[in-house]
Protein backbone atom coordinates (compact mmCIF):
# COMPACT_ATOMS: atom_id res chain seq x y z
CA MET A 1 4.85 -4.46 75.32
CA GLU A 2 7.35 -1.92 74.00
CA LYS A 3 5.80 1.07 72.27
CA ASP A 4 6.99 2.38 68.93
CA ARG A 5 8.88 5.65 69.07
CA TYR A 6 9.25 8.06 66.18
CA ALA A 7 11.72 10.87 65.50
CA VAL A 8 13.44 12.65 62.62
CA ILE A 9 17.02 13.36 61.57
CA TRP A 10 17.92 16.71 60.03
CA THR A 11 21.25 18.06 58.82
CA GLN A 12 22.90 21.24 57.57
CA ILE A 13 25.87 19.75 55.71
CA ASN A 14 24.81 21.55 52.51
CA GLY A 15 24.30 24.87 54.30
CA ASP A 16 20.53 24.94 54.59
CA PRO A 17 18.64 22.60 56.93
CA VAL A 18 17.15 19.54 55.24
CA LYS A 19 15.36 16.54 56.66
CA MET A 20 17.65 13.54 56.23
CA ALA A 21 15.70 10.57 57.58
CA ASN A 22 12.75 9.22 59.56
CA ILE A 23 13.41 7.10 62.67
CA ILE A 24 11.39 4.28 64.22
CA SER A 25 12.47 2.51 67.39
CA THR A 26 10.43 -0.49 68.56
CA GLY A 27 12.55 -1.63 71.48
CA ARG A 28 13.51 -4.74 69.54
CA GLU A 29 15.00 -2.91 66.58
CA PHE A 30 15.91 0.55 65.41
CA ARG A 31 15.46 1.54 61.79
CA PHE A 32 15.64 4.64 59.64
CA SER A 33 15.19 5.52 55.99
CA TYR A 34 16.31 8.52 53.97
CA THR A 35 13.77 11.07 52.79
CA GLN A 36 13.27 11.86 49.13
CA ASP A 37 14.23 15.48 49.86
CA TYR A 38 17.62 14.34 51.10
CA LEU A 39 18.12 11.84 48.28
CA ASN A 40 17.41 14.68 45.84
CA THR A 41 20.47 16.56 47.17
CA GLY A 42 22.64 13.86 45.60
CA SER A 43 24.79 13.58 48.73
CA THR A 44 26.58 10.26 49.29
CA THR A 45 26.95 11.08 53.00
CA GLY A 46 24.44 9.46 55.29
CA VAL A 47 23.95 8.86 58.97
CA SER A 48 27.08 6.67 59.05
CA ILE A 49 29.92 5.70 56.72
CA PHE A 50 28.37 2.25 56.30
CA SER A 51 24.85 3.57 55.59
CA SER A 52 25.41 5.69 52.50
CA PRO A 53 22.30 6.83 50.57
CA ASP A 54 24.13 5.59 47.47
CA ILE A 55 23.78 2.05 48.79
CA PHE A 56 20.43 2.09 50.57
CA GLU A 57 18.50 4.83 48.72
CA ASP A 58 15.05 4.95 50.40
CA LYS A 59 15.19 1.40 51.80
CA PRO A 60 15.14 1.05 55.61
CA ILE A 61 18.41 0.49 57.46
CA VAL A 62 17.74 -1.89 60.36
CA HIS A 63 19.74 -2.26 63.56
CA THR A 64 18.89 -5.03 66.04
CA ALA A 65 18.61 -3.42 69.46
CA SER A 66 20.61 -4.70 72.42
CA GLU A 67 21.03 -3.53 76.00
CA ALA A 68 24.46 -2.11 75.18
CA MET A 69 23.43 -0.69 71.80
CA PRO A 70 19.68 0.07 71.72
CA LEU A 71 20.11 2.64 68.93
CA TYR A 72 22.11 2.75 65.71
CA PRO A 73 25.72 3.29 66.88
CA ARG A 74 26.18 6.74 65.29
CA LEU A 75 23.16 8.05 67.23
CA MET A 76 24.41 6.72 70.57
CA SER A 77 27.04 9.48 70.58
CA LEU A 78 24.25 12.09 70.63
CA ILE A 79 23.07 10.99 74.08
CA PRO A 80 24.98 12.67 76.94
CA GLY A 81 27.35 10.05 78.37
CA GLN A 82 26.67 8.20 81.60
CA GLY A 83 29.87 9.22 83.36
CA LYS A 84 29.34 11.07 86.63
CA LYS A 85 31.27 14.06 85.26
CA ASN A 86 28.99 14.53 82.24
CA ILE A 87 27.56 17.99 82.79
CA GLN A 88 24.56 17.84 80.52
CA ARG A 89 23.38 14.42 81.60
CA ARG A 90 23.12 15.65 85.19
CA ILE A 91 21.31 18.82 84.14
CA TYR A 92 18.83 17.00 81.91
CA ASN A 93 18.27 14.20 84.43
CA ASN A 94 17.29 16.86 86.96
CA ILE A 95 14.78 18.27 84.46
CA LEU A 96 13.34 14.82 83.69
CA ALA A 97 12.96 14.12 87.40
CA LYS A 98 10.61 17.11 87.68
CA TYR A 99 8.21 15.80 85.03
CA ASP A 100 4.76 14.76 86.27
CA THR A 101 5.59 11.32 84.91
CA PRO A 102 9.38 10.97 84.65
CA PRO A 103 10.64 8.41 82.11
CA ALA A 104 11.51 5.01 83.52
CA PRO A 105 15.19 4.20 84.03
CA GLY A 106 16.79 2.49 81.07
CA PHE A 107 15.82 3.00 77.47
CA ASP A 108 12.92 5.36 78.23
CA THR A 109 15.37 7.77 79.87
CA GLU A 110 17.97 7.38 77.09
CA TRP A 111 15.34 8.14 74.45
CA ALA A 112 14.14 11.19 76.38
CA LEU A 113 17.73 12.45 76.65
CA LEU A 114 18.25 11.95 72.91
CA MET A 115 15.15 14.03 72.16
CA MET A 116 16.33 16.80 74.50
CA ALA A 117 20.04 16.94 73.67
CA GLY A 118 20.63 15.24 70.34
CA ARG A 119 21.42 18.27 68.19
CA ASN A 120 24.22 20.73 67.48
CA GLY A 121 26.73 18.19 68.74
CA ILE A 122 29.86 16.79 67.17
CA GLY A 123 29.27 16.07 63.49
CA HIS A 124 26.39 16.66 61.10
CA ILE A 125 23.34 14.97 62.62
CA ASP A 126 20.52 16.68 64.53
CA ILE A 127 17.68 14.71 66.17
CA PHE A 128 14.17 16.05 66.82
CA GLU A 129 10.81 14.63 67.81
CA THR A 130 9.05 16.42 64.96
CA ASP A 131 9.81 18.39 61.80
CA PHE A 132 8.10 21.43 63.31
CA GLU A 133 10.48 21.35 66.28
CA ALA A 134 13.42 21.12 63.87
CA GLN A 135 12.29 24.12 61.84
CA GLN A 136 11.76 26.21 64.98
CA TRP A 137 15.17 25.28 66.36
CA TYR A 138 17.07 26.24 63.21
CA GLU A 139 15.33 29.61 63.22
CA GLU A 140 16.27 30.30 66.85
CA LYS A 141 19.83 28.95 67.08
CA GLN A 142 21.63 32.15 66.01
CA LYS A 143 20.25 34.28 68.84
CA PRO A 144 22.92 35.02 71.51
CA LEU A 145 22.24 34.21 75.13
CA LEU A 146 24.99 36.05 77.01
CA GLN A 147 26.59 39.48 76.79
CA SER A 148 30.24 40.22 77.58
CA ASP A 149 29.41 42.52 80.49
CA GLU A 150 27.74 39.68 82.37
CA SER A 151 31.04 38.52 83.87
CA GLU A 152 29.32 37.71 87.16
CA LEU A 153 27.05 35.24 85.39
CA ARG A 154 29.99 33.51 83.74
CA SER A 155 31.80 33.39 87.04
CA THR A 156 28.78 31.68 88.59
CA ILE A 157 28.76 29.07 85.85
CA TRP A 158 32.49 28.36 86.22
CA GLN A 159 31.93 28.03 89.95
CA PHE A 160 29.08 25.63 89.23
CA LEU A 161 31.46 23.46 87.24
CA LYS A 162 34.17 23.77 89.87
CA GLU A 163 31.86 22.50 92.59
CA ASP A 164 31.14 19.32 90.62
CA LEU A 165 27.64 20.53 89.81
CA SER A 166 26.58 20.21 93.44
CA MET A 167 25.88 23.86 94.16
CA ALA A 168 22.44 25.39 93.62
CA LEU A 169 22.02 27.84 90.75
CA PRO A 170 19.88 30.97 90.70
CA GLU A 171 16.47 30.41 89.12
CA ASP A 172 17.14 32.93 86.32
CA ILE A 173 20.19 31.16 84.86
CA ASP A 174 19.16 29.34 81.71
CA LEU A 175 21.88 26.73 81.94
CA VAL A 176 20.12 24.30 79.63
CA ASN A 177 20.11 26.75 76.73
CA LEU A 178 23.64 27.91 77.46
CA LEU A 179 25.24 24.47 77.59
CA GLY A 180 22.89 22.72 75.20
CA PRO A 181 21.27 21.14 73.49
CA THR A 182 24.72 19.95 72.54
CA PRO A 183 25.63 16.47 73.77
CA SER A 184 28.87 16.90 75.68
CA VAL A 185 31.40 14.24 74.80
CA GLY A 186 32.45 11.66 77.36
CA GLY A 187 35.74 11.16 79.16
CA MET A 188 37.31 11.42 82.58
CA ILE A 189 36.87 15.19 82.95
CA PRO A 190 33.89 17.48 82.28
CA LYS A 191 33.61 18.89 78.77
CA ILE A 192 31.27 21.35 77.15
CA LEU A 193 30.82 22.50 73.57
CA ALA A 194 30.90 26.27 73.25
CA THR A 195 31.91 29.28 71.15
CA ILE A 196 34.68 31.67 72.27
CA PRO A 197 36.16 34.84 70.73
CA ASP A 198 38.83 33.99 68.15
CA LEU A 199 41.62 35.92 69.90
CA PRO A 200 45.20 34.99 70.90
CA ASN A 201 44.24 34.81 74.58
CA TRP A 202 41.03 33.56 76.13
CA ASN A 203 39.54 35.21 79.23
CA GLY A 204 36.68 32.78 79.83
CA ASP A 205 34.02 34.48 77.70
CA PHE A 206 31.90 31.93 75.90
CA GLU A 207 28.57 31.42 74.17
CA ARG A 208 26.58 28.46 73.02
CA PRO A 209 27.82 26.69 69.85
CA GLY A 210 26.91 28.04 66.44
CA LEU A 211 27.32 31.79 66.83
CA GLN A 212 29.51 33.50 64.22
CA HIS A 213 30.48 36.50 66.37
CA ILE A 214 30.83 37.31 70.08
CA ASP A 215 30.83 40.95 71.14
CA GLY A 216 31.97 42.07 67.69
CA HIS A 217 34.79 39.52 67.46
CA LYS A 218 34.91 36.61 65.06
CA SER A 219 34.24 33.44 67.04
CA VAL A 220 35.62 29.92 67.07
CA GLU A 221 33.83 26.76 68.18
CA VAL A 222 35.63 24.75 70.82
CA ILE A 223 35.43 21.90 73.28
CA ILE A 224 36.18 23.23 76.76
CA LYS A 225 37.71 20.73 79.18
CA ILE A 226 37.66 21.53 82.87
CA GLU A 227 40.43 20.16 85.08
CA TYR A 228 39.44 18.68 88.43
CA PRO A 229 41.83 18.35 91.41
CA GLU A 230 42.09 14.56 91.01
CA TYR A 231 43.65 15.19 87.59
CA ALA A 232 45.76 18.21 88.51
CA GLY A 233 47.99 19.18 85.60
CA LEU A 234 45.94 17.36 82.96
CA THR A 235 45.24 20.41 80.79
CA GLN A 236 48.96 21.29 80.66
CA LEU A 237 49.87 17.71 79.83
CA GLU A 238 47.22 17.52 77.10
CA ALA A 239 48.74 20.65 75.56
CA LEU A 240 52.13 18.88 75.57
CA GLY A 241 50.52 15.89 73.87
CA LEU A 242 49.08 18.12 71.16
CA GLU A 243 52.45 19.78 70.62
CA ALA A 244 54.24 16.40 70.42
CA ASN A 245 51.85 15.21 67.73
CA LYS A 246 52.13 18.50 65.85
CA LYS A 247 55.93 18.28 65.91
CA SER A 248 55.69 14.79 64.42
CA GLY A 249 53.56 16.02 61.53
CA VAL A 250 50.14 14.99 62.78
CA ILE A 251 47.39 17.54 62.07
CA THR A 252 46.30 19.04 65.40
CA PRO A 253 43.74 21.69 66.34
CA ARG A 254 44.47 25.06 67.98
CA TYR A 255 44.02 25.30 71.72
CA TRP A 256 43.83 27.92 74.48
CA LEU A 257 44.91 27.35 78.09
CA ALA A 258 43.27 29.42 80.81
CA ASN A 259 42.70 29.57 84.53
CA ILE A 260 39.25 31.01 85.24
CA ASP A 261 38.27 31.52 88.88
CA ASP A 262 41.04 29.09 89.91
CA LEU A 263 39.63 26.51 87.51
CA PRO A 264 42.27 25.28 84.99
CA MET A 265 40.83 24.54 81.57
CA ILE A 266 41.74 24.07 77.95
CA ALA A 267 39.62 25.12 74.98
CA ILE A 268 40.35 23.06 71.85
CA GLU A 269 39.17 24.18 68.44
CA ARG A 270 36.54 21.96 66.87
CA PHE A 271 37.29 20.70 63.39
CA ASP A 272 33.78 19.48 62.56
CA ARG A 273 32.64 22.95 61.44
CA THR A 274 33.62 25.11 58.47
CA GLN A 275 34.56 28.77 58.99
CA LYS A 276 30.93 29.63 58.25
CA GLY A 277 29.72 27.17 60.87
CA THR A 278 28.49 24.49 58.45
CA PRO A 279 28.72 21.01 60.02
CA ILE A 280 31.31 18.59 58.67
CA PRO A 281 30.48 14.88 59.03
CA ILE A 282 32.57 13.12 61.63
CA GLU A 283 32.28 9.60 63.00
CA SER A 284 34.37 7.77 65.57
CA PHE A 285 36.16 4.55 64.76
CA PHE A 286 33.92 2.98 67.40
CA SER A 287 30.71 4.03 65.66
CA ALA A 288 32.00 2.86 62.28
CA MET A 289 33.10 -0.55 63.58
CA ALA A 290 29.95 -1.04 65.66
CA SER A 291 27.83 -0.30 62.58
CA ALA A 292 29.59 -2.99 60.57
CA THR A 293 29.75 -5.75 63.19
CA THR A 294 27.85 -6.97 66.24
CA ASP A 295 30.76 -7.81 68.56
CA VAL A 296 32.01 -4.24 69.05
CA THR A 297 29.89 -2.63 71.76
CA GLY A 298 32.55 -0.64 73.62
CA ALA A 299 35.49 1.61 72.78
CA THR A 300 38.06 -1.11 73.51
CA ASP A 301 36.23 -4.14 72.05
CA THR A 302 38.82 -4.81 69.36
CA ASP A 303 42.57 -5.01 68.81
CA MET A 304 44.96 -2.77 66.90
CA GLU A 305 45.48 -5.37 64.19
CA ARG A 306 41.75 -5.26 63.45
CA VAL A 307 41.78 -1.46 63.39
CA GLY A 308 44.33 -1.60 60.58
CA ARG A 309 42.17 -4.03 58.63
CA MET A 310 39.08 -1.90 59.22
CA LEU A 311 40.79 1.05 57.58
CA ALA A 312 41.32 -1.06 54.47
CA ALA A 313 37.62 -1.99 54.46
CA ILE A 314 36.59 1.69 54.58
CA GLY A 315 38.15 2.12 51.15
CA LYS A 316 35.44 -0.15 49.72
CA VAL A 317 32.53 2.09 50.78
CA ALA A 318 34.01 5.60 50.60
CA LYS A 319 36.53 7.68 48.69
CA PHE A 320 39.37 7.16 51.16
CA ASP A 321 43.17 7.09 50.89
CA VAL A 322 43.73 3.80 52.69
CA LYS A 323 47.55 3.79 52.64
CA THR A 324 47.92 7.35 53.95
CA SER A 325 45.29 6.76 56.63
CA GLN A 326 46.80 3.48 57.82
CA LYS A 327 50.21 5.10 58.15
CA SER A 328 48.71 8.08 60.01
CA VAL A 329 46.87 5.92 62.56
CA TYR A 330 49.94 3.74 63.11
CA GLN A 331 52.01 6.88 63.66
CA ARG A 332 49.49 8.16 66.23
CA PHE A 333 49.66 4.82 67.99
CA LEU A 334 53.46 5.06 68.18
CA LEU A 335 53.25 8.62 69.54
CA ALA A 336 50.70 7.52 72.13
CA ILE A 337 53.05 4.76 73.32
CA LEU A 338 56.01 7.16 73.42
CA THR A 339 54.20 9.94 75.33
CA GLY A 340 52.40 7.82 77.92
CA ASN A 341 48.96 8.11 76.33
CA GLY A 342 47.49 4.70 77.09
CA ASP A 343 43.98 5.97 76.44
CA MET A 344 43.89 5.98 72.62
CA HIS A 345 40.71 3.95 72.15
CA LEU A 346 38.07 3.79 69.40
CA GLU A 347 36.28 6.93 70.61
CA ASN A 348 39.53 8.89 70.43
CA LEU A 349 39.97 8.23 66.71
CA SER A 350 37.56 9.49 64.06
CA PHE A 351 36.86 9.81 60.37
CA ILE A 352 36.02 13.23 58.97
CA GLY A 353 34.26 14.24 55.76
CA GLY A 354 31.55 12.58 53.72
CA ASN A 355 31.74 9.32 51.80
CA ASP A 356 32.84 11.27 48.74
CA GLY A 357 35.98 12.53 50.52
CA LEU A 358 36.80 10.76 53.79
CA SER A 359 39.99 10.98 55.86
CA VAL A 360 41.23 10.44 59.40
CA SER A 361 40.36 13.46 61.53
CA PRO A 362 42.92 15.72 63.21
CA MET A 363 44.34 14.49 66.52
CA TYR A 364 42.30 14.91 69.71
CA ASP A 365 42.47 13.73 73.34
CA PRO A 366 46.25 12.96 73.33
CA ALA A 367 46.62 13.48 77.09
CA PRO A 368 49.31 11.21 78.64
CA MET A 369 46.91 9.48 81.02
CA ARG A 370 49.56 7.05 82.29
CA ALA A 371 50.62 9.92 84.56
CA TRP A 372 47.83 8.65 86.85
CA SER A 373 48.23 5.17 88.30
CA ARG A 374 44.58 4.26 87.71
CA HIS A 375 45.14 4.76 83.97
CA ASN A 376 48.61 3.21 83.74
CA LEU A 377 47.87 0.98 80.77
CA LEU A 378 50.26 0.59 77.83
CA SER A 379 47.41 0.70 75.31
CA ALA A 380 43.63 0.84 75.76
CA ILE A 381 43.29 -1.14 72.54
CA PRO A 382 45.37 -4.32 72.92
CA PHE A 383 47.79 -5.66 70.34
CA GLU A 384 49.68 -8.91 70.10
CA ILE A 385 52.89 -8.89 72.12
CA GLU A 386 55.11 -11.83 71.29
CA GLY A 387 58.78 -11.47 72.03
CA SER A 388 60.07 -7.97 72.72
CA LEU A 389 57.86 -4.89 72.77
CA ARG A 390 59.94 -3.39 69.97
CA ASP A 391 59.49 -6.43 67.69
CA SER A 392 55.77 -6.61 68.49
CA ILE A 393 55.10 -2.97 67.66
CA ILE A 394 57.10 -3.17 64.41
CA ARG A 395 55.23 -6.37 63.49
CA LEU A 396 51.93 -4.56 64.14
CA GLY A 397 52.79 -2.26 61.23
CA LYS A 398 51.96 -5.11 58.82
CA SER A 399 48.27 -4.81 59.79
CA PHE A 400 48.49 -1.16 58.74
CA GLY A 401 49.94 -1.98 55.33
CA LEU A 402 53.52 -1.16 56.34
CA ASN A 403 56.52 -3.41 55.80
CA LYS A 404 59.13 -3.95 58.50
CA LYS A 405 61.50 -1.33 57.09
CA ILE A 406 58.90 1.46 56.96
CA ALA A 407 57.45 0.56 60.38
CA THR A 408 60.96 0.66 61.90
CA GLU A 409 61.76 4.01 60.28
CA LEU A 410 58.47 5.47 61.53
CA LEU A 411 59.17 4.25 65.06
CA HIS A 412 62.54 6.00 65.08
CA GLN A 413 61.08 9.18 63.56
CA CYS A 414 58.44 9.33 66.29
CA ALA A 415 61.05 8.58 68.96
CA GLU A 416 63.28 11.38 67.69
CA SER A 417 60.45 13.92 67.61
CA THR A 418 59.55 13.08 71.23
CA ASP A 419 63.07 12.78 72.64
CA ASN A 420 62.63 15.87 74.84
CA PHE A 421 59.07 15.08 75.95
CA GLN A 422 60.18 14.00 79.43
CA GLU A 423 62.08 17.25 79.93
CA GLN A 424 58.99 19.19 78.90
CA VAL A 425 56.89 17.27 81.43
CA LEU A 426 59.36 18.10 84.22
CA SER A 427 59.33 21.77 83.25
CA GLU A 428 55.56 22.16 83.68
CA THR A 429 55.18 23.99 87.00
CA ASN A 430 51.42 23.41 87.12
CA VAL A 431 51.84 19.62 87.14
CA PRO A 432 52.35 18.02 90.59
CA HIS A 433 55.85 16.62 91.09
CA GLU A 434 54.63 13.07 91.82
CA THR A 435 52.59 13.10 88.62
CA GLN A 436 55.62 14.28 86.66
CA LYS A 437 57.84 11.57 88.15
CA ARG A 438 55.32 8.82 87.43
CA LEU A 439 54.89 9.83 83.79
CA VAL A 440 58.61 10.27 83.16
CA SER A 441 59.30 6.85 84.70
CA VAL A 442 56.67 5.20 82.49
CA ILE A 443 57.99 6.84 79.32
CA SER A 444 61.61 6.04 80.17
CA ASP A 445 60.72 2.38 80.64
CA VAL A 446 58.88 2.23 77.31
CA ARG A 447 61.68 3.94 75.40
CA LYS A 448 64.18 1.49 76.86
CA LYS A 449 62.07 -1.50 75.80
CA LEU A 450 61.68 0.00 72.33
CA GLY A 451 65.42 0.57 72.01
CA VAL A 452 65.00 4.30 71.48
CA VAL A 453 66.45 5.71 74.72
CA GLY A 454 67.09 9.42 74.45
């Protein structure tokens, strides 16, 4: 018989830590309810967009557990992903394996990982086993762990990442505290959440998330992505993707390219924190859709037409500019098609802000993944193609509240702003020639089918 498991949710969205909710997981269902202390704050922002305290007050919110979704969808993102390149999952699994009684594979392990790593991640939710643990953690989180003169230590850590986490680390390196507990987001390359000095150039110095200063310099919180040989040139291409979106008017974060110990990487500024480090609520399209329906259990379990309709539904539960948001997401879809980014799925689109002021988040993960044959897919989220590709994409605009004229104009605007993207790809000396040729060929073919050659 499954045992009941208990935990608590805390948050700092109002500056000071406050307990948001109590959690109970029975194996058959997962439920949580807001605390009176949190309800007294008057916040309309809850665990998820579709679980606002305004609607539920102190009544329990119940989620039927399944093998694919044993926890409420928003909390699933706080568990380090199962991909083989997820740094923290491998570190924490090694720790769990050393327990006198390691948790059983499956949900026992996932729950243990959530209790170890489910805080200080993307967004506003922190998970703890007890309130006492939460209070202790908030008191300790501002203490720095590294000093700038420990360059040898940082070099060892970069080497650790470079060797695909297979090398042994010295006993005195507290890698768990350095890299966590902050659930590192998923994807095809390793990523860590960190803080770096807010300077024009980045030399590889970093600290754990949450620190306001590093070595006397103002800091900035980032996601660091590490490029592996099988994706040589990816960080440079992602930078091009960010620039293409920025040129088209999409809000994009700052980024820093670096090569540390022959390890190419890109640090991208997080936008889920204020300048003072206060968390800003953020939730992926996947989490939002999975919370509202039972048939979405993966990041591609939908179609683009339904995404457009989902955006309209958000306007019924949150203060949300539906028309502006629909146009923005459609524009990002067009830019993805035009730059060879076939990987724009539900986890690569998010909402930001609370229910009293929600919008589509800045752009992230715009890497043109079609440069690699294994990812050569027109769109990770399918859409109806009937007739020509051009007609199909313009017709898709209707699902995003756009008439044919506006959808056509937006297509040509995006095509014009990316008309030199292929030349930029070919000019990147750090991208292998075969990778360049493949991406340029893919983009040229798409532009021809769209009738926007140039």
